[in-house]
PDB file of N, CA and C in Angstrom:
ATOM      1  N   UNK A   1       4.871  19.089  -2.652  1.00  0.00           N
ATOM      2  CA  UNK A   1       5.654  18.811  -3.669  1.00  0.00           C
ATOM      3  C   UNK A   1       7.292  18.694  -2.906  1.00  0.00           C
ATOM      4  N   UNK A   2       7.731  17.452  -2.981  1.00  0.00           N
ATOM      5  CA  UNK A   2       9.190  17.341  -2.652  1.00  0.00           C
ATOM      6  C   UNK A   2       9.853  16.936  -3.793  1.00  0.00           C
ATOM      7  N   UNK A   3      11.249  17.051  -3.552  1.00  0.00           N
ATOM      8  CA  UNK A   3      12.042  16.666  -4.614  1.00  0.00           C
ATOM      9  C   UNK A   3      13.145  16.068  -4.069  1.00  0.00           C
ATOM     10  N   UNK A   4      14.140  15.108  -4.749  1.00  0.00           N
ATOM     11  CA  UNK A   4      15.400  14.465  -4.218  1.00  0.00           C
ATOM     12  C   UNK A   4      16.028  14.095  -5.524  1.00  0.00           C
ATOM     13  N   UNK A   5      17.235  14.583  -5.774  1.00  0.00           N
ATOM     14  CA  UNK A   5      17.734  14.143  -7.219  1.00  0.00           C
ATOM     15  C   UNK A   5      16.792  14.072  -8.359  1.00  0.00           C
ATOM     16  N   UNK A   6      16.659  13.214  -9.203  1.00  0.00           N
ATOM     17  CA  UNK A   6      15.759  13.303 -10.359  1.00  0.00           C
ATOM     18  C   UNK A   6      14.479  13.020 -10.119  1.00  0.00           C
ATOM     19  N   UNK A   7      14.041  13.056  -8.873  1.00  0.00           N
ATOM     20  CA  UNK A   7      12.578  12.450  -8.377  1.00  0.00           C
ATOM     21  C   UNK A   7      11.786  13.681  -7.854  1.00  0.00           C
ATOM     22  N   UNK A   8      10.621  13.768  -8.374  1.00  0.00           N
ATOM     23  CA  UNK A   8       9.699  14.943  -7.833  1.00  0.00           C
ATOM     24  C   UNK A   8       8.381  14.149  -7.533  1.00  0.00           C
ATOM     25  N   UNK A   9       7.921  14.356  -6.168  1.00  0.00           N
ATOM     26  CA  UNK A   9       6.505  13.796  -5.745  1.00  0.00           C
ATOM     27  C   UNK A   9       5.398  15.138  -5.620  1.00  0.00           C
ATOM     28  N   UNK A  10       4.549  14.829  -6.083  1.00  0.00           N
ATOM     29  CA  UNK A  10       3.384  15.782  -5.904  1.00  0.00           C
ATOM     30  C   UNK A  10       2.360  15.132  -5.282  1.00  0.00           C
ATOM     31  N   UNK A  11       1.191  15.815  -4.664  1.00  0.00           N
ATOM     32  CA  UNK A  11       0.173  15.531  -4.022  1.00  0.00           C
ATOM     33  C   UNK A  11      -1.022  16.671  -4.418  1.00  0.00           C
ATOM     34  N   UNK A  12      -1.935  16.180  -5.109  1.00  0.00           N
ATOM     35  CA  UNK A  12      -2.973  17.068  -5.308  1.00  0.00           C
ATOM     36  C   UNK A  12      -4.364  16.844  -5.477  1.00  0.00           C
ATOM     37  N   UNK A  13      -5.399  17.539  -5.792  1.00  0.00           N
ATOM     38  CA  UNK A  13      -6.708  16.892  -6.012  1.00  0.00           C
ATOM     39  C   UNK A  13      -7.353  17.130  -7.301  1.00  0.00           C
ATOM     40  N   UNK A  14      -7.395  16.081  -8.197  1.00  0.00           N
ATOM     41  CA  UNK A  14      -8.260  16.257  -9.318  1.00  0.00           C
ATOM     42  C   UNK A  14      -9.649  16.393  -9.260  1.00  0.00           C
ATOM     43  N   UNK A  15     -10.136  17.191 -10.265  1.00  0.00           N
ATOM     44  CA  UNK A  15     -11.589  17.555 -10.173  1.00  0.00           C
ATOM     45  C   UNK A  15     -12.418  17.284 -11.315  1.00  0.00           C
ATOM     46  N   UNK A  16     -13.190  16.317 -11.589  1.00  0.00           N
ATOM     47  CA  UNK A  16     -13.723  15.776 -12.483  1.00  0.00           C
ATOM     48  C   UNK A  16     -15.388  16.456 -12.784  1.00  0.00           C
ATOM     49  N   UNK A  17     -15.947  16.708 -13.672  1.00  0.00           N
ATOM     50  CA  UNK A  17     -17.230  17.121 -13.858  1.00  0.00           C
ATOM     51  C   UNK A  17     -18.190  15.888 -14.297  1.00  0.00           C
ATOM     52  N   UNK A  18     -19.372  15.518 -13.729  1.00  0.00           N
ATOM     53  CA  UNK A  18     -19.905  14.505 -14.197  1.00  0.00           C
ATOM     54  C   UNK A  18     -20.954  15.114 -15.186  1.00  0.00           C
ATOM     55  N   UNK A  19     -21.801  14.059 -15.932  1.00  0.00           N
ATOM     56  CA  UNK A  19     -22.542  14.525 -16.825  1.00  0.00           C
ATOM     57  C   UNK A  19     -23.709  15.471 -16.007  1.00  0.00           C
ATOM     58  N   UNK A  20     -24.241  15.050 -15.068  1.00  0.00           N
ATOM     59  CA  UNK A  20     -25.209  15.770 -14.213  1.00  0.00           C
ATOM     60  C   UNK A  20     -24.781  17.325 -13.491  1.00  0.00           C
ATOM     61  N   UNK A  21     -23.228  17.557 -13.949  1.00  0.00           N
ATOM     62  CA  UNK A  21     -22.843  18.830 -13.531  1.00  0.00           C
ATOM     63  C   UNK A  21     -22.305  18.658 -12.105  1.00  0.00           C
ATOM     64  N   UNK A  22     -22.418  17.824 -11.401  1.00  0.00           N
ATOM     65  CA  UNK A  22     -21.724  17.681  -9.931  1.00  0.00           C
ATOM     66  C   UNK A  22     -20.425  17.378 -10.381  1.00  0.00           C
ATOM     67  N   UNK A  23     -19.591  17.598  -9.218  1.00  0.00           N
ATOM     68  CA  UNK A  23     -18.131  17.301  -9.240  1.00  0.00           C
ATOM     69  C   UNK A  23     -17.595  16.363  -8.539  1.00  0.00           C
ATOM     70  N   UNK A  24     -16.676  15.684  -8.778  1.00  0.00           N
ATOM     71  CA  UNK A  24     -15.903  14.190  -8.274  1.00  0.00           C
ATOM     72  C   UNK A  24     -14.468  14.908  -7.895  1.00  0.00           C
ATOM     73  N   UNK A  25     -14.107  14.868  -6.533  1.00  0.00           N
ATOM     74  CA  UNK A  25     -12.684  14.997  -6.264  1.00  0.00           C
ATOM     75  C   UNK A  25     -11.919  14.117  -5.814  1.00  0.00           C
ATOM     76  N   UNK A  26     -10.605  13.805  -6.303  1.00  0.00           N
ATOM     77  CA  UNK A  26      -9.959  12.532  -6.521  1.00  0.00           C
ATOM     78  C   UNK A  26      -8.584  12.920  -5.744  1.00  0.00           C
ATOM     79  N   UNK A  27      -8.305  12.547  -4.500  1.00  0.00           N
ATOM     80  CA  UNK A  27      -6.870  13.000  -4.221  1.00  0.00           C
ATOM     81  C   UNK A  27      -5.932  12.139  -5.101  1.00  0.00           C
ATOM     82  N   UNK A  28      -4.836  12.537  -5.668  1.00  0.00           N
ATOM     83  CA  UNK A  28      -3.800  11.882  -6.265  1.00  0.00           C
ATOM     84  C   UNK A  28      -2.121  12.071  -5.924  1.00  0.00           C
ATOM     85  N   UNK A  29      -1.528  11.249  -5.796  1.00  0.00           N
ATOM     86  CA  UNK A  29       0.213  11.122  -5.586  1.00  0.00           C
ATOM     87  C   UNK A  29       0.435  11.096  -6.990  1.00  0.00           C
ATOM     88  N   UNK A  30       1.526  11.941  -7.188  1.00  0.00           N
ATOM     89  CA  UNK A  30       2.506  11.819  -8.469  1.00  0.00           C
ATOM     90  C   UNK A  30       3.741  11.662  -8.439  1.00  0.00           C
ATOM     91  N   UNK A  31       4.314  10.717  -9.158  1.00  0.00           N
ATOM     92  CA  UNK A  31       5.857  10.402  -8.850  1.00  0.00           C
ATOM     93  C   UNK A  31       6.467  10.777  -9.899  1.00  0.00           C
ATOM     94  N   UNK A  32       7.360  11.640 -10.443  1.00  0.00           N
ATOM     95  CA  UNK A  32       8.146  11.716 -11.678  1.00  0.00           C
ATOM     96  C   UNK A  32       9.453  11.668 -11.650  1.00  0.00           C
ATOM     97  N   UNK A  33      10.144  10.816 -12.402  1.00  0.00           N
ATOM     98  CA  UNK A  33      11.440  10.944 -12.373  1.00  0.00           C
ATOM     99  C   UNK A  33      12.121  11.589 -13.677  1.00  0.00           C
ATOM    100  N   UNK A  34      13.034  12.483 -13.571  1.00  0.00           N
ATOM    101  CA  UNK A  34      13.483  13.231 -14.715  1.00  0.00           C
ATOM    102  C   UNK A  34      14.769  12.390 -15.197  1.00  0.00           C
ATOM    103  N   UNK A  35      14.797  12.364 -16.345  1.00  0.00           N
ATOM    104  CA  UNK A  35      16.551  12.392 -16.843  1.00  0.00           C
ATOM    105  C   UNK A  35      16.713  13.956 -17.769  1.00  0.00           C
ATOM    106  N   UNK A  36      17.597  14.490 -17.357  1.00  0.00           N
ATOM    107  CA  UNK A  36      18.125  15.904 -17.697  1.00  0.00           C
ATOM    108  C   UNK A  36      16.771  16.686 -17.327  1.00  0.00           C
ATOM    109  N   UNK A  37      16.168  17.452 -18.616  1.00  0.00           N
ATOM    110  CA  UNK A  37      15.135  18.250 -18.366  1.00  0.00           C
ATOM    111  C   UNK A  37      13.698  17.570 -18.690  1.00  0.00           C
ATOM    112  N   UNK A  38      13.906  16.373 -19.058  1.00  0.00           N
ATOM    113  CA  UNK A  38      12.685  15.630 -19.568  1.00  0.00           C
ATOM    114  C   UNK A  38      12.096  14.741 -18.448  1.00  0.00           C
ATOM    115  N   UNK A  39      10.792  14.419 -18.382  1.00  0.00           N
ATOM    116  CA  UNK A  39       9.940  13.422 -17.731  1.00  0.00           C
ATOM    117  C   UNK A  39      10.453  12.048 -18.284  1.00  0.00           C
ATOM    118  N   UNK A  40      10.999  11.213 -17.556  1.00  0.00           N
ATOM    119  CA  UNK A  40      11.483   9.800 -17.895  1.00  0.00           C
ATOM    120  C   UNK A  40      10.437   8.644 -17.582  1.00  0.00           C
ATOM    121  N   UNK A  41       9.988   8.811 -16.360  1.00  0.00           N
ATOM    122  CA  UNK A  41       8.894   8.277 -15.843  1.00  0.00           C
ATOM    123  C   UNK A  41       7.779   8.883 -15.181  1.00  0.00           C
ATOM    124  N   UNK A  42       6.485   8.326 -15.121  1.00  0.00           N
ATOM    125  CA  UNK A  42       5.576   9.341 -14.605  1.00  0.00           C
ATOM    126  C   UNK A  42       4.409   8.217 -14.084  1.00  0.00           C
ATOM    127  N   UNK A  43       4.118   8.251 -12.691  1.00  0.00           N
ATOM    128  CA  UNK A  43       3.326   7.331 -12.113  1.00  0.00           C
ATOM    129  C   UNK A  43       2.424   7.960 -11.154  1.00  0.00           C
ATOM    130  N   UNK A  44       1.113   7.689 -11.169  1.00  0.00           N
ATOM    131  CA  UNK A  44       0.145   8.344 -10.185  1.00  0.00           C
ATOM    132  C   UNK A  44      -0.705   7.181  -9.592  1.00  0.00           C
ATOM    133  N   UNK A  45      -0.829   7.392  -8.231  1.00  0.00           N
ATOM    134  CA  UNK A  45      -1.544   6.735  -7.252  1.00  0.00           C
ATOM    135  C   UNK A  45      -2.890   7.148  -6.594  1.00  0.00           C
ATOM    136  N   UNK A  46      -4.065   6.516  -6.768  1.00  0.00           N
ATOM    137  CA  UNK A  46      -5.339   7.085  -6.070  1.00  0.00           C
ATOM    138  C   UNK A  46      -6.078   5.909  -5.828  1.00  0.00           C
ATOM    139  N   UNK A  47      -7.130   6.313  -5.022  1.00  0.00           N
ATOM    140  CA  UNK A  47      -8.125   5.319  -4.432  1.00  0.00           C
ATOM    141  C   UNK A  47      -9.249   5.020  -5.433  1.00  0.00           C
ATOM    142  N   UNK A  48      -9.118   3.958  -6.289  1.00  0.00           N
ATOM    143  CA  UNK A  48     -10.032   3.876  -7.260  1.00  0.00           C
ATOM    144  C   UNK A  48     -11.498   3.423  -6.580  1.00  0.00           C
ATOM    145  N   UNK A  49     -11.494   2.884  -5.408  1.00  0.00           N
ATOM    146  CA  UNK A  49     -12.968   2.761  -4.899  1.00  0.00           C
ATOM    147  C   UNK A  49     -13.530   4.307  -4.643  1.00  0.00           C
ATOM    148  N   UNK A  50     -12.664   4.982  -3.947  1.00  0.00           N
ATOM    149  CA  UNK A  50     -12.974   6.308  -3.663  1.00  0.00           C
ATOM    150  C   UNK A  50     -13.715   7.053  -4.834  1.00  0.00           C
ATOM    151  N   UNK A  51     -13.128   7.069  -6.013  1.00  0.00           N
ATOM    152  CA  UNK A  51     -13.627   7.344  -7.244  1.00  0.00           C
ATOM    153  C   UNK A  51     -14.669   6.660  -7.558  1.00  0.00           C
ATOM    154  N   UNK A  52     -14.782   5.416  -7.816  1.00  0.00           N
ATOM    155  CA  UNK A  52     -15.978   4.889  -8.405  1.00  0.00           C
ATOM    156  C   UNK A  52     -16.963   5.073  -7.456  1.00  0.00           C
ATOM    157  N   UNK A  53     -16.962   5.204  -6.104  1.00  0.00           N
ATOM    158  CA  UNK A  53     -18.020   5.772  -4.998  1.00  0.00           C
ATOM    159  C   UNK A  53     -18.842   7.111  -5.408  1.00  0.00           C
ATOM    160  N   UNK A  54     -17.867   8.095  -5.720  1.00  0.00           N
ATOM    161  CA  UNK A  54     -18.407   9.354  -6.294  1.00  0.00           C
ATOM    162  C   UNK A  54     -18.870   9.404  -7.587  1.00  0.00           C
ATOM    163  N   UNK A  55     -18.542   8.491  -8.505  1.00  0.00           N
ATOM    164  CA  UNK A  55     -19.050   8.180  -9.859  1.00  0.00           C
ATOM    165  C   UNK A  55     -20.568   7.583  -9.737  1.00  0.00           C
ATOM    166  N   UNK A  56     -20.761   6.929  -8.879  1.00  0.00           N
ATOM    167  CA  UNK A  56     -22.003   5.987  -8.557  1.00  0.00           C
ATOM    168  C   UNK A  56     -23.287   6.898  -8.557  1.00  0.00           C
TER     169      UNK A  56
END
């Protein structure tokens, strides 16, 4: 996690459980922009192809 002024950038791995019980791991980059103590903008970026390949 890094921050500069009102912007915070995070990197994480989200884990989803499929119906068969197996897990899908998806690296995600999140960008948050604050106004005061509230999130004003929330953007997330990930590789949709990577997610879809794991869901197949």
